Structures are given as C-alpha cells and as structure tokens.
Amino acid sequence: MEHDHDVHSEPISTVRCRELLGPEADGLSDVEVDQIRRHADAMAHVVVEIFLQQRSRE
C-alpha cells in the first residue's frame, strides 16, 4: 500500500542507539547494538504501516 508519508528517513546511528538504550547497552558490542537498532527500525516501519492502514479505513 502506497502512502504520501515519508517513511524512508535515515536510520539512527549505533552511537545514538547506545545512548537511547542507556544502561541496557552496557556490555553489548557494537554489533549487538547495531542488531537491536536494525530490529527496532524494522518494527517501527511495521507499526507505522499498521497505523496508516487502520487510519485509511476510518
């Protein structure tokens, strides 16, 4: 489904992801933080898509 919304923003950096995770990132490697960042980005896209689909049905 195509939307007029820009959902192709730049992903956050690994450094910013580590900041957002806070103490939860302690002891995680950059690779692990990057995996979390990529998974969070994918989930955000899914949530936005679901929201837009539900809104278009109203």
PDB file of N, CA and C in Angstrom:
ATOM      1  N   MET A   1       0.836  -1.172   0.000  1.00  0.00           N
ATOM      2  CA  MET A   1       0.000   0.000   0.000  1.00  0.00           C
ATOM      3  C   MET A   1       0.882   1.236   0.000  1.00  0.00           C
ATOM      4  N   GLU A   2       0.640   2.133  -0.929  1.00  0.00           N
ATOM      5  CA  GLU A   2       1.432   3.355  -1.031  1.00  0.00           C
ATOM      6  C   GLU A   2       0.801   4.482  -0.217  1.00  0.00           C
ATOM      7  N   HIS A   3       1.648   5.273   0.414  1.00  0.00           N
ATOM      8  CA  HIS A   3       1.191   6.410   1.215  1.00  0.00           C
ATOM      9  C   HIS A   3       2.005   7.630   0.830  1.00  0.00           C
ATOM     10  N   ASP A   4       1.445   8.784   1.125  1.00  0.00           N
ATOM     11  CA  ASP A   4       2.129  10.047   0.841  1.00  0.00           C
ATOM     12  C   ASP A   4       3.120  10.408   1.941  1.00  0.00           C
ATOM     13  N   HIS A   5       3.259   9.584   2.940  1.00  0.00           N
ATOM     14  CA  HIS A   5       4.115   9.893   4.078  1.00  0.00           C
ATOM     15  C   HIS A   5       5.545   9.437   3.816  1.00  0.00           C
ATOM     16  N   ASP A   6       6.500  10.235   4.292  1.00  0.00           N
ATOM     17  CA  ASP A   6       7.914   9.884   4.139  1.00  0.00           C
ATOM     18  C   ASP A   6       8.299   8.916   5.246  1.00  0.00           C
ATOM     19  N   VAL A   7       8.410   7.644   4.917  1.00  0.00           N
ATOM     20  CA  VAL A   7       8.813   6.633   5.898  1.00  0.00           C
ATOM     21  C   VAL A   7      10.228   6.156   5.625  1.00  0.00           C
ATOM     22  N   HIS A   8      10.950   6.894   4.799  1.00  0.00           N
ATOM     23  CA  HIS A   8      12.306   6.497   4.418  1.00  0.00           C
ATOM     24  C   HIS A   8      13.326   7.463   4.999  1.00  0.00           C
ATOM     25  N   SER A   9      13.254   7.678   6.303  1.00  0.00           N
ATOM     26  CA  SER A   9      14.205   8.570   6.943  1.00  0.00           C
ATOM     27  C   SER A   9      15.506   7.816   7.206  1.00  0.00           C
ATOM     28  N   GLU A  10      16.533   8.562   7.529  1.00  0.00           N
ATOM     29  CA  GLU A  10      17.827   7.967   7.831  1.00  0.00           C
ATOM     30  C   GLU A  10      17.746   7.203   9.155  1.00  0.00           C
ATOM     31  N   PRO A  11      18.308   6.012   9.209  1.00  0.00           N
ATOM     32  CA  PRO A  11      18.301   5.283  10.489  1.00  0.00           C
ATOM     33  C   PRO A  11      19.195   5.984  11.506  1.00  0.00           C
ATOM     34  N   ILE A  12      18.891   5.766  12.775  1.00  0.00           N
ATOM     35  CA  ILE A  12      19.733   6.359  13.812  1.00  0.00           C
ATOM     36  C   ILE A  12      21.080   5.650  13.813  1.00  0.00           C
ATOM     37  N   SER A  13      22.065   6.320  14.316  1.00  0.00           N
ATOM     38  CA  SER A  13      23.400   5.730  14.361  1.00  0.00           C
ATOM     39  C   SER A  13      23.483   4.727  15.508  1.00  0.00           C
ATOM     40  N   THR A  14      24.495   3.893  15.442  1.00  0.00           N
ATOM     41  CA  THR A  14      24.733   2.935  16.520  1.00  0.00           C
ATOM     42  C   THR A  14      25.043   3.677  17.817  1.00  0.00           C
ATOM     43  N   VAL A  15      25.761   4.783  17.705  1.00  0.00           N
ATOM     44  CA  VAL A  15      26.086   5.587  18.890  1.00  0.00           C
ATOM     45  C   VAL A  15      24.806   6.118  19.524  1.00  0.00           C
ATOM     46  N   ARG A  16      23.885   6.643  18.703  1.00  0.00           N
ATOM     47  CA  ARG A  16      22.626   7.177  19.217  1.00  0.00           C
ATOM     48  C   ARG A  16      21.777   6.050  19.807  1.00  0.00           C
ATOM     49  N   CYS A  17      21.782   4.902  19.180  1.00  0.00           N
ATOM     50  CA  CYS A  17      21.037   3.758  19.701  1.00  0.00           C
ATOM     51  C   CYS A  17      21.569   3.373  21.074  1.00  0.00           C
ATOM     52  N   ARG A  18      22.876   3.379  21.209  1.00  0.00           N
ATOM     53  CA  ARG A  18      23.501   3.053  22.500  1.00  0.00           C
ATOM     54  C   ARG A  18      23.063   4.068  23.557  1.00  0.00           C
ATOM     55  N   GLU A  19      22.988   5.347  23.176  1.00  0.00           N
ATOM     56  CA  GLU A  19      22.529   6.391  24.104  1.00  0.00           C
ATOM     57  C   GLU A  19      21.087   6.133  24.520  1.00  0.00           C
ATOM     58  N   LEU A  20      20.238   5.782  23.553  1.00  0.00           N
ATOM     59  CA  LEU A  20      18.824   5.535  23.847  1.00  0.00           C
ATOM     60  C   LEU A  20      18.638   4.298  24.723  1.00  0.00           C
ATOM     61  N   LEU A  21      19.465   3.296  24.531  1.00  0.00           N
ATOM     62  CA  LEU A  21      19.379   2.089  25.344  1.00  0.00           C
ATOM     63  C   LEU A  21      19.848   2.330  26.773  1.00  0.00           C
ATOM     64  N   GLY A  22      20.724   3.325  26.937  1.00  0.00           N
ATOM     65  CA  GLY A  22      21.215   3.661  28.271  1.00  0.00           C
ATOM     66  C   GLY A  22      21.961   2.500  28.898  1.00  0.00           C
ATOM     67  N   PRO A  23      21.717   2.271  30.181  1.00  0.00           N
ATOM     68  CA  PRO A  23      22.440   1.202  30.885  1.00  0.00           C
ATOM     69  C   PRO A  23      22.211  -0.184  30.286  1.00  0.00           C
ATOM     70  N   GLU A  24      21.108  -0.356  29.564  1.00  0.00           N
ATOM     71  CA  GLU A  24      20.828  -1.646  28.939  1.00  0.00           C
ATOM     72  C   GLU A  24      21.895  -2.002  27.902  1.00  0.00           C
ATOM     73  N   ALA A  25      22.601  -0.984  27.379  1.00  0.00           N
ATOM     74  CA  ALA A  25      23.625  -1.221  26.357  1.00  0.00           C
ATOM     75  C   ALA A  25      24.982  -1.569  26.960  1.00  0.00           C
ATOM     76  N   ASP A  26      25.107  -1.387  28.268  1.00  0.00           N
ATOM     77  CA  ASP A  26      26.383  -1.715  28.909  1.00  0.00           C
ATOM     78  C   ASP A  26      26.714  -3.188  28.669  1.00  0.00           C
ATOM     79  N   GLY A  27      27.906  -3.429  28.209  1.00  0.00           N
ATOM     80  CA  GLY A  27      28.344  -4.797  27.970  1.00  0.00           C
ATOM     81  C   GLY A  27      27.980  -5.337  26.593  1.00  0.00           C
ATOM     82  N   LEU A  28      27.212  -4.578  25.810  1.00  0.00           N
ATOM     83  CA  LEU A  28      26.869  -5.020  24.456  1.00  0.00           C
ATOM     84  C   LEU A  28      27.936  -4.541  23.477  1.00  0.00           C
ATOM     85  N   SER A  29      28.249  -5.370  22.519  1.00  0.00           N
ATOM     86  CA  SER A  29      29.197  -4.967  21.478  1.00  0.00           C
ATOM     87  C   SER A  29      28.489  -4.044  20.493  1.00  0.00           C
ATOM     88  N   ASP A  30      29.259  -3.355  19.665  1.00  0.00           N
ATOM     89  CA  ASP A  30      28.675  -2.510  18.630  1.00  0.00           C
ATOM     90  C   ASP A  30      27.823  -3.339  17.667  1.00  0.00           C
ATOM     91  N   VAL A  31      28.242  -4.565  17.408  1.00  0.00           N
ATOM     92  CA  VAL A  31      27.472  -5.443  16.522  1.00  0.00           C
ATOM     93  C   VAL A  31      26.113  -5.752  17.152  1.00  0.00           C
ATOM     94  N   GLU A  32      26.091  -6.026  18.435  1.00  0.00           N
ATOM     95  CA  GLU A  32      24.832  -6.313  19.123  1.00  0.00           C
ATOM     96  C   GLU A  32      23.918  -5.087  19.147  1.00  0.00           C
ATOM     97  N   VAL A  33      24.485  -3.926  19.414  1.00  0.00           N
ATOM     98  CA  VAL A  33      23.693  -2.691  19.406  1.00  0.00           C
ATOM     99  C   VAL A  33      23.166  -2.429  17.998  1.00  0.00           C
ATOM    100  N   ASP A  34      23.988  -2.681  16.987  1.00  0.00           N
ATOM    101  CA  ASP A  34      23.531  -2.489  15.613  1.00  0.00           C
ATOM    102  C   ASP A  34      22.390  -3.445  15.271  1.00  0.00           C
ATOM    103  N   GLN A  35      22.445  -4.659  15.762  1.00  0.00           N
ATOM    104  CA  GLN A  35      21.349  -5.610  15.532  1.00  0.00           C
ATOM    105  C   GLN A  35      20.061  -5.112  16.181  1.00  0.00           C
ATOM    106  N   ILE A  36      20.161  -4.605  17.382  1.00  0.00           N
ATOM    107  CA  ILE A  36      18.992  -4.042  18.065  1.00  0.00           C
ATOM    108  C   ILE A  36      18.462  -2.855  17.273  1.00  0.00           C
ATOM    109  N   ARG A  37      19.367  -1.994  16.787  1.00  0.00           N
ATOM    110  CA  ARG A  37      18.969  -0.817  16.017  1.00  0.00           C
ATOM    111  C   ARG A  37      18.205  -1.231  14.766  1.00  0.00           C
ATOM    112  N   ARG A  38      18.711  -2.236  14.060  1.00  0.00           N
ATOM    113  CA  ARG A  38      18.049  -2.686  12.828  1.00  0.00           C
ATOM    114  C   ARG A  38      16.694  -3.312  13.112  1.00  0.00           C
ATOM    115  N   HIS A  39      16.600  -4.082  14.185  1.00  0.00           N
ATOM    116  CA  HIS A  39      15.321  -4.686  14.555  1.00  0.00           C
ATOM    117  C   HIS A  39      14.315  -3.613  14.973  1.00  0.00           C
ATOM    118  N   ALA A  40      14.762  -2.633  15.734  1.00  0.00           N
ATOM    119  CA  ALA A  40      13.873  -1.547  16.155  1.00  0.00           C
ATOM    120  C   ALA A  40      13.386  -0.753  14.946  1.00  0.00           C
ATOM    121  N   ASP A  41      14.265  -0.527  13.985  1.00  0.00           N
ATOM    122  CA  ASP A  41      13.884   0.195  12.774  1.00  0.00           C
ATOM    123  C   ASP A  41      12.817  -0.591  11.995  1.00  0.00           C
ATOM    124  N   ALA A  42      13.014  -1.891  11.870  1.00  0.00           N
ATOM    125  CA  ALA A  42      12.036  -2.725  11.168  1.00  0.00           C
ATOM    126  C   ALA A  42      10.698  -2.711  11.895  1.00  0.00           C
ATOM    127  N   MET A  43      10.718  -2.819  13.215  1.00  0.00           N
ATOM    128  CA  MET A  43       9.478  -2.784  13.984  1.00  0.00           C
ATOM    129  C   MET A  43       8.778  -1.443  13.850  1.00  0.00           C
ATOM    130  N   ALA A  44       9.538  -0.367  13.844  1.00  0.00           N
ATOM    131  CA  ALA A  44       8.939   0.962  13.688  1.00  0.00           C
ATOM    132  C   ALA A  44       8.224   1.073  12.350  1.00  0.00           C
ATOM    133  N   HIS A  45       8.820   0.541  11.292  1.00  0.00           N
ATOM    134  CA  HIS A  45       8.182   0.582   9.971  1.00  0.00           C
ATOM    135  C   HIS A  45       6.883  -0.225   9.963  1.00  0.00           C
ATOM    136  N   VAL A  46       6.886  -1.369  10.638  1.00  0.00           N
ATOM    137  CA  VAL A  46       5.685  -2.195  10.719  1.00  0.00           C
ATOM    138  C   VAL A  46       4.584  -1.452  11.480  1.00  0.00           C
ATOM    139  N   VAL A  47       4.929  -0.858  12.605  1.00  0.00           N
ATOM    140  CA  VAL A  47       3.945  -0.142  13.414  1.00  0.00           C
ATOM    141  C   VAL A  47       3.358   1.032  12.634  1.00  0.00           C
ATOM    142  N   VAL A  48       4.195   1.780  11.942  1.00  0.00           N
ATOM    143  CA  VAL A  48       3.703   2.910  11.147  1.00  0.00           C
ATOM    144  C   VAL A  48       2.786   2.414  10.034  1.00  0.00           C
ATOM    145  N   GLU A  49       3.155   1.344   9.368  1.00  0.00           N
ATOM    146  CA  GLU A  49       2.336   0.797   8.290  1.00  0.00           C
ATOM    147  C   GLU A  49       0.973   0.354   8.817  1.00  0.00           C
ATOM    148  N   ILE A  50       0.949  -0.321   9.960  1.00  0.00           N
ATOM    149  CA  ILE A  50      -0.319  -0.740  10.561  1.00  0.00           C
ATOM    150  C   ILE A  50      -1.163   0.483  10.907  1.00  0.00           C
ATOM    151  N   PHE A  51      -0.551   1.482  11.500  1.00  0.00           N
ATOM    152  CA  PHE A  51      -1.263   2.716  11.844  1.00  0.00           C
ATOM    153  C   PHE A  51      -1.877   3.355  10.603  1.00  0.00           C
ATOM    154  N   LEU A  52      -1.097   3.461   9.543  1.00  0.00           N
ATOM    155  CA  LEU A  52      -1.593   4.096   8.324  1.00  0.00           C
ATOM    156  C   LEU A  52      -2.718   3.283   7.687  1.00  0.00           C
ATOM    157  N   GLN A  53      -2.619   1.971   7.741  1.00  0.00           N
ATOM    158  CA  GLN A  53      -3.685   1.130   7.199  1.00  0.00           C
ATOM    159  C   GLN A  53      -4.972   1.298   7.987  1.00  0.00           C
ATOM    160  N   GLN A  54      -4.864   1.321   9.305  1.00  0.00           N
ATOM    161  CA  GLN A  54      -6.053   1.479  10.136  1.00  0.00           C
ATOM    162  C   GLN A  54      -6.670   2.861   9.943  1.00  0.00           C
ATOM    163  N   ARG A  55      -5.836   3.867   9.830  1.00  0.00           N
ATOM    164  CA  ARG A  55      -6.328   5.226   9.641  1.00  0.00           C
ATOM    165  C   ARG A  55      -7.038   5.376   8.298  1.00  0.00           C
ATOM    166  N   SER A  56      -6.541   4.695   7.260  1.00  0.00           N
ATOM    167  CA  SER A  56      -7.153   4.811   5.936  1.00  0.00           C
ATOM    168  C   SER A  56      -8.519   4.116   5.883  1.00  0.00           C
ATOM    169  N   ARG A  57      -8.787   3.211   6.817  1.00  0.00           N
ATOM    170  CA  ARG A  57     -10.070   2.516   6.873  1.00  0.00           C
ATOM    171  C   ARG A  57     -11.148   3.341   7.551  1.00  0.00           C
ATOM    172  N   GLU A  58     -10.758   4.380   8.272  1.00  0.00           N
ATOM    173  CA  GLU A  58     -11.734   5.201   9.023  1.00  0.00           C
ATOM    174  C   GLU A  58     -12.503   6.098   8.107  1.00  0.00           C
TER     175      GLU A  58
END
